[in-house]
C-alpha atoms as a PDB file:
ATOM      1  CA  UNK A   1      -5.868 -15.052  -9.616  1.00  0.00           C
ATOM      2  CA  UNK A   2      -3.656 -18.072 -10.228  1.00  0.00           C
ATOM      3  CA  UNK A   3      -0.378 -18.494  -8.400  1.00  0.00           C
ATOM      4  CA  UNK A   4       1.648 -17.950 -11.585  1.00  0.00           C
ATOM      5  CA  UNK A   5       0.069 -14.552 -12.218  1.00  0.00           C
ATOM      6  CA  UNK A   6       0.280 -13.110  -8.723  1.00  0.00           C
ATOM      7  CA  UNK A   7       2.620 -10.222  -8.097  1.00  0.00           C
ATOM      8  CA  UNK A   8       5.502 -11.224  -5.869  1.00  0.00           C
ATOM      9  CA  UNK A   9       5.653  -9.994  -2.308  1.00  0.00           C
ATOM     10  CA  UNK A  10       8.555  -7.832  -1.181  1.00  0.00           C
ATOM     11  CA  UNK A  11      11.006  -8.665   1.584  1.00  0.00           C
ATOM     12  CA  UNK A  12      11.700  -5.945   4.176  1.00  0.00           C
ATOM     13  CA  UNK A  13      15.059  -5.398   2.434  1.00  0.00           C
ATOM     14  CA  UNK A  14      13.349  -4.939  -0.932  1.00  0.00           C
ATOM     15  CA  UNK A  15      10.929  -2.390   0.531  1.00  0.00           C
ATOM     16  CA  UNK A  16      13.920  -0.497   1.962  1.00  0.00           C
ATOM     17  CA  UNK A  17      15.740  -0.632  -1.395  1.00  0.00           C
ATOM     18  CA  UNK A  18      12.633   0.584  -3.221  1.00  0.00           C
ATOM     19  CA  UNK A  19      12.228   3.528  -0.846  1.00  0.00           C
ATOM     20  CA  UNK A  20      15.928   4.362  -1.037  1.00  0.00           C
ATOM     21  CA  UNK A  21      15.736   4.281  -4.833  1.00  0.00           C
ATOM     22  CA  UNK A  22      12.660   6.499  -5.200  1.00  0.00           C
ATOM     23  CA  UNK A  23      13.979   8.957  -2.628  1.00  0.00           C
ATOM     24  CA  UNK A  24      17.026   9.436  -4.850  1.00  0.00           C
ATOM     25  CA  UNK A  25      14.942  10.542  -7.859  1.00  0.00           C
ATOM     26  CA  UNK A  26      12.936  13.551  -8.921  1.00  0.00           C
ATOM     27  CA  UNK A  27       9.679  13.853  -6.962  1.00  0.00           C
ATOM     28  CA  UNK A  28      11.240  11.917  -4.093  1.00  0.00           C
ATOM     29  CA  UNK A  29       8.611  12.760  -1.469  1.00  0.00           C
ATOM     30  CA  UNK A  30       5.663  12.021  -3.741  1.00  0.00           C
ATOM     31  CA  UNK A  31       7.184   8.742  -4.894  1.00  0.00           C
ATOM     32  CA  UNK A  32       7.921   7.639  -1.324  1.00  0.00           C
ATOM     33  CA  UNK A  33       4.277   8.323  -0.428  1.00  0.00           C
ATOM     34  CA  UNK A  34       3.122   6.201  -3.384  1.00  0.00           C
ATOM     35  CA  UNK A  35       5.337   3.297  -2.288  1.00  0.00           C
ATOM     36  CA  UNK A  36       4.252   3.550   1.337  1.00  0.00           C
ATOM     37  CA  UNK A  37       0.543   3.761   0.460  1.00  0.00           C
ATOM     38  CA  UNK A  38       1.032   0.433  -1.283  1.00  0.00           C
ATOM     39  CA  UNK A  39       3.364  -1.393   1.133  1.00  0.00           C
ATOM     40  CA  UNK A  40       2.226   0.100   4.470  1.00  0.00           C
ATOM     41  CA  UNK A  41      -1.501   0.635   3.809  1.00  0.00           C
ATOM     42  CA  UNK A  42      -2.220  -1.972   1.133  1.00  0.00           C
ATOM     43  CA  UNK A  43      -3.809   0.428  -1.334  1.00  0.00           C
ATOM     44  CA  UNK A  44      -4.397  -0.524  -4.969  1.00  0.00           C
ATOM     45  CA  UNK A  45      -3.058   1.686  -7.800  1.00  0.00           C
ATOM     46  CA  UNK A  46      -6.608   2.950  -8.439  1.00  0.00           C
ATOM     47  CA  UNK A  47      -6.997   3.863  -4.764  1.00  0.00           C
ATOM     48  CA  UNK A  48      -3.650   5.664  -4.639  1.00  0.00           C
ATOM     49  CA  UNK A  49      -4.598   7.689  -7.724  1.00  0.00           C
ATOM     50  CA  UNK A  50      -7.999   8.662  -6.279  1.00  0.00           C
ATOM     51  CA  UNK A  51      -6.946   9.353  -2.697  1.00  0.00           C
ATOM     52  CA  UNK A  52      -7.687  12.908  -1.535  1.00  0.00           C
ATOM     53  CA  UNK A  53      -6.274  14.898   1.366  1.00  0.00           C
ATOM     54  CA  UNK A  54      -9.712  15.006   3.006  1.00  0.00           C
ATOM     55  CA  UNK A  55      -9.553  11.197   3.348  1.00  0.00           C
ATOM     56  CA  UNK A  56      -6.360  11.615   5.394  1.00  0.00           C
ATOM     57  CA  UNK A  57      -7.260  14.666   7.463  1.00  0.00           C
ATOM     58  CA  UNK A  58      -8.349  14.919  11.072  1.00  0.00           C
ATOM     59  CA  UNK A  59     -10.947  17.420  12.325  1.00  0.00           C
ATOM     60  CA  UNK A  60      -8.372  20.228  12.518  1.00  0.00           C
ATOM     61  CA  UNK A  61      -7.182  19.658   8.943  1.00  0.00           C
ATOM     62  CA  UNK A  62      -3.903  17.970   9.863  1.00  0.00           C
ATOM     63  CA  UNK A  63      -2.797  14.507   8.836  1.00  0.00           C
ATOM     64  CA  UNK A  64      -4.977  12.128  10.837  1.00  0.00           C
ATOM     65  CA  UNK A  65      -4.224   8.712  12.251  1.00  0.00           C
ATOM     66  CA  UNK A  66      -6.428   6.821   9.775  1.00  0.00           C
ATOM     67  CA  UNK A  67      -6.959   6.625   6.043  1.00  0.00           C
ATOM     68  CA  UNK A  68     -10.700   6.965   5.486  1.00  0.00           C
ATOM     69  CA  UNK A  69     -10.870   5.536   1.994  1.00  0.00           C
ATOM     70  CA  UNK A  70     -14.241   6.464   0.526  1.00  0.00           C
ATOM     71  CA  UNK A  71     -16.166   4.200  -1.852  1.00  0.00           C
ATOM     72  CA  UNK A  72     -15.559   6.642  -4.723  1.00  0.00           C
ATOM     73  CA  UNK A  73     -11.802   6.051  -4.410  1.00  0.00           C
ATOM     74  CA  UNK A  74     -11.910   2.295  -3.894  1.00  0.00           C
ATOM     75  CA  UNK A  75     -12.507  -0.744  -6.047  1.00  0.00           C
ATOM     76  CA  UNK A  76     -16.203  -1.515  -6.127  1.00  0.00           C
ATOM     77  CA  UNK A  77     -17.706  -0.379  -2.876  1.00  0.00           C
ATOM     78  CA  UNK A  78     -14.789  -1.383  -0.677  1.00  0.00           C
ATOM     79  CA  UNK A  79     -14.271   1.893   1.129  1.00  0.00           C
ATOM     80  CA  UNK A  80     -12.697   1.314   4.509  1.00  0.00           C
ATOM     81  CA  UNK A  81     -10.763   2.787   7.400  1.00  0.00           C
ATOM     82  CA  UNK A  82      -7.086   1.833   7.590  1.00  0.00           C
ATOM     83  CA  UNK A  83      -5.043   2.880  10.624  1.00  0.00           C
ATOM     84  CA  UNK A  84      -2.068   4.865   9.372  1.00  0.00           C
ATOM     85  CA  UNK A  85       1.455   3.499   9.723  1.00  0.00           C
ATOM     86  CA  UNK A  86       3.829   5.989  11.418  1.00  0.00           C
ATOM     87  CA  UNK A  87       6.335   5.965   8.531  1.00  0.00           C
ATOM     88  CA  UNK A  88       3.531   6.677   6.050  1.00  0.00           C
ATOM     89  CA  UNK A  89       2.130   9.477   8.209  1.00  0.00           C
ATOM     90  CA  UNK A  90       5.531  11.185   8.372  1.00  0.00           C
ATOM     91  CA  UNK A  91       6.025  10.859   4.598  1.00  0.00           C
ATOM     92  CA  UNK A  92       2.559  12.330   3.984  1.00  0.00           C
ATOM     93  CA  UNK A  93       3.370  15.306   6.226  1.00  0.00           C
ATOM     94  CA  UNK A  94       6.565  15.995   4.273  1.00  0.00           C
ATOM     95  CA  UNK A  95       4.807  15.631   0.905  1.00  0.00           C
ATOM     96  CA  UNK A  96       1.876  17.808   1.973  1.00  0.00           C
ATOM     97  CA  UNK A  97       4.243  20.597   3.051  1.00  0.00           C
ATOM     98  CA  UNK A  98       6.073  20.388  -0.287  1.00  0.00           C
ATOM     99  CA  UNK A  99       2.883  20.220  -2.314  1.00  0.00           C
ATOM    100  CA  UNK A 100       1.428  23.192  -0.424  1.00  0.00           C
ATOM    101  CA  UNK A 101      -2.100  21.849  -1.044  1.00  0.00           C
ATOM    102  CA  UNK A 102      -2.041  22.719  -4.727  1.00  0.00           C
ATOM    103  CA  UNK A 103      -4.257  19.716  -5.365  1.00  0.00           C
ATOM    104  CA  UNK A 104      -7.172  18.026  -3.640  1.00  0.00           C
ATOM    105  CA  UNK A 105      -5.610  14.699  -4.646  1.00  0.00           C
ATOM    106  CA  UNK A 106      -2.655  13.345  -2.698  1.00  0.00           C
ATOM    107  CA  UNK A 107      -0.783  12.253  -5.822  1.00  0.00           C
ATOM    108  CA  UNK A 108      -0.367  14.916  -8.472  1.00  0.00           C
ATOM    109  CA  UNK A 109       1.991  15.302 -11.399  1.00  0.00           C
ATOM    110  CA  UNK A 110       3.751  18.227 -13.036  1.00  0.00           C
ATOM    111  CA  UNK A 111       1.035  18.369 -15.691  1.00  0.00           C
ATOM    112  CA  UNK A 112      -2.064  17.602 -13.657  1.00  0.00           C
ATOM    113  CA  UNK A 113      -3.550  18.077 -10.209  1.00  0.00           C
ATOM    114  CA  UNK A 114      -4.214  14.332 -10.112  1.00  0.00           C
ATOM    115  CA  UNK A 115      -2.916  11.165 -11.688  1.00  0.00           C
ATOM    116  CA  UNK A 116      -4.352   7.949 -13.089  1.00  0.00           C
ATOM    117  CA  UNK A 117      -4.152   4.371 -11.909  1.00  0.00           C
ATOM    118  CA  UNK A 118      -2.251   3.505 -15.089  1.00  0.00           C
ATOM    119  CA  UNK A 119       0.364   6.164 -14.316  1.00  0.00           C
ATOM    120  CA  UNK A 120       0.840   4.597 -10.853  1.00  0.00           C
ATOM    121  CA  UNK A 121       1.163   1.128 -12.442  1.00  0.00           C
ATOM    122  CA  UNK A 122       3.756   2.508 -14.871  1.00  0.00           C
ATOM    123  CA  UNK A 123       5.758   4.129 -12.061  1.00  0.00           C
ATOM    124  CA  UNK A 124       5.971   0.849 -10.155  1.00  0.00           C
ATOM    125  CA  UNK A 125       6.918  -1.013 -13.336  1.00  0.00           C
ATOM    126  CA  UNK A 126       9.786   1.418 -13.959  1.00  0.00           C
ATOM    127  CA  UNK A 127      10.985   1.377 -10.339  1.00  0.00           C
ATOM    128  CA  UNK A 128      10.953  -2.426 -10.090  1.00  0.00           C
ATOM    129  CA  UNK A 129      12.614  -2.791 -13.489  1.00  0.00           C
ATOM    130  CA  UNK A 130      15.383  -0.393 -12.478  1.00  0.00           C
ATOM    131  CA  UNK A 131      15.943  -2.432  -9.303  1.00  0.00           C
ATOM    132  CA  UNK A 132      15.732  -5.714 -11.247  1.00  0.00           C
ATOM    133  CA  UNK A 133      12.920  -6.994  -9.021  1.00  0.00           C
ATOM    134  CA  UNK A 134      11.521  -9.782 -11.202  1.00  0.00           C
ATOM    135  CA  UNK A 135       7.813 -10.604 -10.943  1.00  0.00           C
ATOM    136  CA  UNK A 136       6.913  -7.444  -9.040  1.00  0.00           C
ATOM    137  CA  UNK A 137       4.118  -5.097 -10.056  1.00  0.00           C
ATOM    138  CA  UNK A 138       2.035  -2.283  -8.617  1.00  0.00           C
ATOM    139  CA  UNK A 139       0.226  -4.984  -6.616  1.00  0.00           C
ATOM    140  CA  UNK A 140       3.402  -6.231  -4.886  1.00  0.00           C
ATOM    141  CA  UNK A 141       3.223  -3.680  -2.087  1.00  0.00           C
ATOM    142  CA  UNK A 142      -0.440  -4.526  -1.481  1.00  0.00           C
ATOM    143  CA  UNK A 143       0.292  -8.271  -1.347  1.00  0.00           C
ATOM    144  CA  UNK A 144       3.221  -7.564   0.974  1.00  0.00           C
ATOM    145  CA  UNK A 145       0.990  -5.537   3.301  1.00  0.00           C
ATOM    146  CA  UNK A 146      -1.723  -8.209   3.374  1.00  0.00           C
ATOM    147  CA  UNK A 147       0.761 -11.055   3.887  1.00  0.00           C
ATOM    148  CA  UNK A 148       2.586  -9.222   6.691  1.00  0.00           C
ATOM    149  CA  UNK A 149      -0.691  -8.236   8.368  1.00  0.00           C
ATOM    150  CA  UNK A 150      -1.913 -11.848   8.220  1.00  0.00           C
ATOM    151  CA  UNK A 151       1.303 -13.135   9.780  1.00  0.00           C
ATOM    152  CA  UNK A 152       1.205 -10.637  12.637  1.00  0.00           C
ATOM    153  CA  UNK A 153      -2.512 -10.121  13.326  1.00  0.00           C
ATOM    154  CA  UNK A 154      -2.835 -12.861  15.949  1.00  0.00           C
ATOM    155  CA  UNK A 155      -0.008 -11.305  17.994  1.00  0.00           C
ATOM    156  CA  UNK A 156      -2.198  -8.227  18.563  1.00  0.00           C
ATOM    157  CA  UNK A 157      -5.403 -10.156  19.251  1.00  0.00           C
ATOM    158  CA  UNK A 158      -6.869  -9.936  15.756  1.00  0.00           C
ATOM    159  CA  UNK A 159      -7.985 -12.454  13.171  1.00  0.00           C
ATOM    160  CA  UNK A 160      -7.884 -12.966   9.435  1.00  0.00           C
ATOM    161  CA  UNK A 161     -11.245 -11.159   9.319  1.00  0.00           C
ATOM    162  CA  UNK A 162      -9.426  -7.994  10.438  1.00  0.00           C
ATOM    163  CA  UNK A 163      -6.958  -8.410   7.572  1.00  0.00           C
ATOM    164  CA  UNK A 164      -9.899  -8.845   5.183  1.00  0.00           C
ATOM    165  CA  UNK A 165     -11.365  -5.544   6.381  1.00  0.00           C
ATOM    166  CA  UNK A 166      -8.018  -3.742   6.013  1.00  0.00           C
ATOM    167  CA  UNK A 167      -7.703  -5.107   2.468  1.00  0.00           C
ATOM    168  CA  UNK A 168     -11.249  -4.150   1.506  1.00  0.00           C
ATOM    169  CA  UNK A 169     -12.122  -7.629   0.273  1.00  0.00           C
ATOM    170  CA  UNK A 170     -15.766  -8.714   0.186  1.00  0.00           C
ATOM    171  CA  UNK A 171     -14.831 -12.371   0.705  1.00  0.00           C
ATOM    172  CA  UNK A 172     -12.275 -13.901   3.056  1.00  0.00           C
ATOM    173  CA  UNK A 173     -11.219 -16.349   0.336  1.00  0.00           C
ATOM    174  CA  UNK A 174      -9.915 -13.433  -1.730  1.00  0.00           C
ATOM    175  CA  UNK A 175      -7.779 -12.276   1.199  1.00  0.00           C
ATOM    176  CA  UNK A 176      -6.426 -15.795   1.657  1.00  0.00           C
ATOM    177  CA  UNK A 177      -5.259 -15.897  -1.972  1.00  0.00           C
ATOM    178  CA  UNK A 178      -3.166 -12.765  -1.373  1.00  0.00           C
ATOM    179  CA  UNK A 179      -1.231 -14.264   1.508  1.00  0.00           C
ATOM    180  CA  UNK A 180       2.123 -15.896   0.841  1.00  0.00           C
ATOM    181  CA  UNK A 181       2.851 -19.024   2.828  1.00  0.00           C
ATOM    182  CA  UNK A 182       5.999 -19.291   4.934  1.00  0.00           C
ATOM    183  CA  UNK A 183       7.786 -22.630   4.547  1.00  0.00           C
ATOM    184  CA  UNK A 184       9.760 -22.337   7.786  1.00  0.00           C
ATOM    185  CA  UNK A 185       6.615 -21.552   9.793  1.00  0.00           C
ATOM    186  CA  UNK A 186       4.943 -24.580   8.224  1.00  0.00           C
ATOM    187  CA  UNK A 187       7.856 -26.769   9.306  1.00  0.00           C
ATOM    188  CA  UNK A 188       7.711 -25.428  12.875  1.00  0.00           C
ATOM    189  CA  UNK A 189       3.943 -25.848  13.245  1.00  0.00           C
ATOM    190  CA  UNK A 190       4.067 -29.448  12.006  1.00  0.00           C
ATOM    191  CA  UNK A 191       6.460 -30.216  14.845  1.00  0.00           C
ATOM    192  CA  UNK A 192       3.990 -28.712  17.330  1.00  0.00           C
ATOM    193  CA  UNK A 193       1.085 -30.888  16.170  1.00  0.00           C
END
């Protein structure tokens, strides 16, 4: 993926604006879950479309603390366990109560008990267009998640390998291509050398 073709990452303010926007539309809870699965868990459109409630449930059937993304829902064979962000967990609880477990799949539509990856891509395109976020796509939330995780992982004792596992990448070089550099951090580190 060349630099010119990469989806842009989102600032914290842009994530907030996106969530505020989708929460003001029809299907607010579902749409917030879609956005948070991308920006707070780093899921791809295909993974969001194929995610089932059983992949989110704990032993008692409630919303668990991890996303257990199975190979059948992931790209290639990149199933993985992703600890669940608190904001995402709360949004899933709200959406599950509204959905009343009509569908095995987390994301459903009015016409179907599940959706497609292309429908997820189209939703993000519409939302970003409405907000005039140029260069953003369904992959922007994922890139934002990976970039933010990479910037913060060392503060919790982790490494870039942990970010690779969260992203479901088979090669660390792929993960590195997702990460946006930070010019100010580069300036500060040069002064430390």
